[in-house]
């Protein structure tokens, strides 16, 4: 998908329906996909934010301690390694 296509989706299927369904100042969330980070789409969303149509969620830095699921996976891994499991049933019990 090109950035122009994504901007069109934002205009026609995200911003207007979002205003109708949720109301003004609804929050949008973009990930680190290149088309989401394009100047075209960022400018469009910033314009809508300055017009008080929506709010853009700001992403925190990608640090493991800010992502709780990473801490959970680390704990699970540590528990599995501690028990030296050999059977699938044992694994399910530990999990």
Protein backbone atom coordinates (compact mmCIF):
# COMPACT_ATOMS: atom_id res chain seq x y z
CA UNK A 1 0.00 0.00 0.00
CA UNK A 2 1.26 3.46 -0.82
CA UNK A 3 1.15 6.40 1.57
CA UNK A 4 -1.45 8.14 -0.65
CA UNK A 5 -3.74 5.12 -0.32
CA UNK A 6 -3.30 5.11 3.43
CA UNK A 7 -4.09 8.83 3.66
CA UNK A 8 -7.27 8.24 1.68
CA UNK A 9 -8.25 5.46 4.10
CA UNK A 10 -7.64 7.85 7.01
CA UNK A 11 -9.78 10.53 5.41
CA UNK A 12 -12.68 8.36 4.31
CA UNK A 13 -12.75 5.48 6.77
CA UNK A 14 -11.08 6.64 9.98
CA UNK A 15 -11.43 10.35 10.72
CA UNK A 16 -15.01 11.02 9.62
CA UNK A 17 -16.45 7.75 10.98
CA UNK A 18 -14.40 8.21 14.16
CA UNK A 19 -15.96 11.62 14.73
CA UNK A 20 -19.45 10.25 14.13
CA UNK A 21 -19.04 7.12 16.25
CA UNK A 22 -16.81 8.34 19.07
CA UNK A 23 -16.95 12.12 18.87
CA UNK A 24 -14.36 14.81 18.53
CA UNK A 25 -11.00 14.37 20.23
CA UNK A 26 -10.99 10.61 19.67
CA UNK A 27 -7.49 9.12 19.82
CA UNK A 28 -5.68 7.67 16.83
CA UNK A 29 -2.79 5.26 17.13
CA UNK A 30 -0.19 4.71 14.42
CA UNK A 31 2.61 2.19 14.54
CA UNK A 32 6.08 2.42 13.02
CA UNK A 33 4.94 1.32 9.57
CA UNK A 34 6.66 3.49 6.90
CA UNK A 35 3.38 4.67 5.38
CA UNK A 36 2.17 5.73 8.85
CA UNK A 37 5.39 7.68 9.33
CA UNK A 38 5.21 9.37 5.91
CA UNK A 39 5.20 13.15 5.94
CA UNK A 40 1.92 13.12 4.01
CA UNK A 41 0.05 11.12 6.66
CA UNK A 42 1.76 12.77 9.62
CA UNK A 43 0.86 16.22 8.27
CA UNK A 44 -2.75 15.16 7.71
CA UNK A 45 -3.12 13.80 11.25
CA UNK A 46 -1.34 16.82 12.74
CA UNK A 47 -3.73 19.14 10.87
CA UNK A 48 -6.72 17.23 12.23
CA UNK A 49 -5.20 17.42 15.70
CA UNK A 50 -4.72 21.20 15.47
CA UNK A 51 -8.34 21.47 14.28
CA UNK A 52 -9.35 19.62 17.49
CA UNK A 53 -10.85 16.76 15.48
CA UNK A 54 -8.71 14.04 17.03
CA UNK A 55 -5.68 13.39 19.20
CA UNK A 56 -2.64 11.46 18.06
CA UNK A 57 -1.30 9.00 20.62
CA UNK A 58 2.42 9.45 21.21
CA UNK A 59 4.45 6.23 21.33
CA UNK A 60 6.99 5.83 24.13
CA UNK A 61 10.52 4.72 23.41
CA UNK A 62 10.91 1.02 22.68
CA UNK A 63 12.61 0.01 25.90
CA UNK A 64 11.97 -3.45 27.38
CA UNK A 65 11.09 -2.06 30.80
CA UNK A 66 8.30 0.03 29.21
CA UNK A 67 6.80 -3.04 27.58
CA UNK A 68 5.26 -5.27 30.28
CA UNK A 69 4.87 -8.28 28.00
CA UNK A 70 8.66 -8.50 27.63
CA UNK A 71 8.99 -8.86 31.40
CA UNK A 72 6.37 -11.61 31.38
CA UNK A 73 8.14 -13.55 28.61
CA UNK A 74 11.41 -13.27 30.51
CA UNK A 75 9.81 -14.67 33.66
CA UNK A 76 8.19 -17.56 31.77
CA UNK A 77 11.49 -18.41 30.09
CA UNK A 78 13.32 -18.36 33.42
CA UNK A 79 10.73 -20.70 35.03
CA UNK A 80 10.83 -23.16 32.15
CA UNK A 81 14.61 -23.33 32.15
CA UNK A 82 14.69 -23.79 35.94
CA UNK A 83 12.47 -26.89 35.80
CA UNK A 84 14.33 -28.68 32.95
CA UNK A 85 11.11 -29.99 31.43
CA UNK A 86 11.00 -33.00 29.15
CA UNK A 87 7.28 -33.56 28.53
CA UNK A 88 4.71 -31.27 26.96
CA UNK A 89 2.30 -31.93 29.86
CA UNK A 90 4.93 -30.71 32.31
CA UNK A 91 5.31 -27.54 30.28
CA UNK A 92 1.58 -26.83 30.45
CA UNK A 93 1.60 -27.35 34.22
CA UNK A 94 4.42 -24.87 34.68
CA UNK A 95 2.83 -22.33 32.35
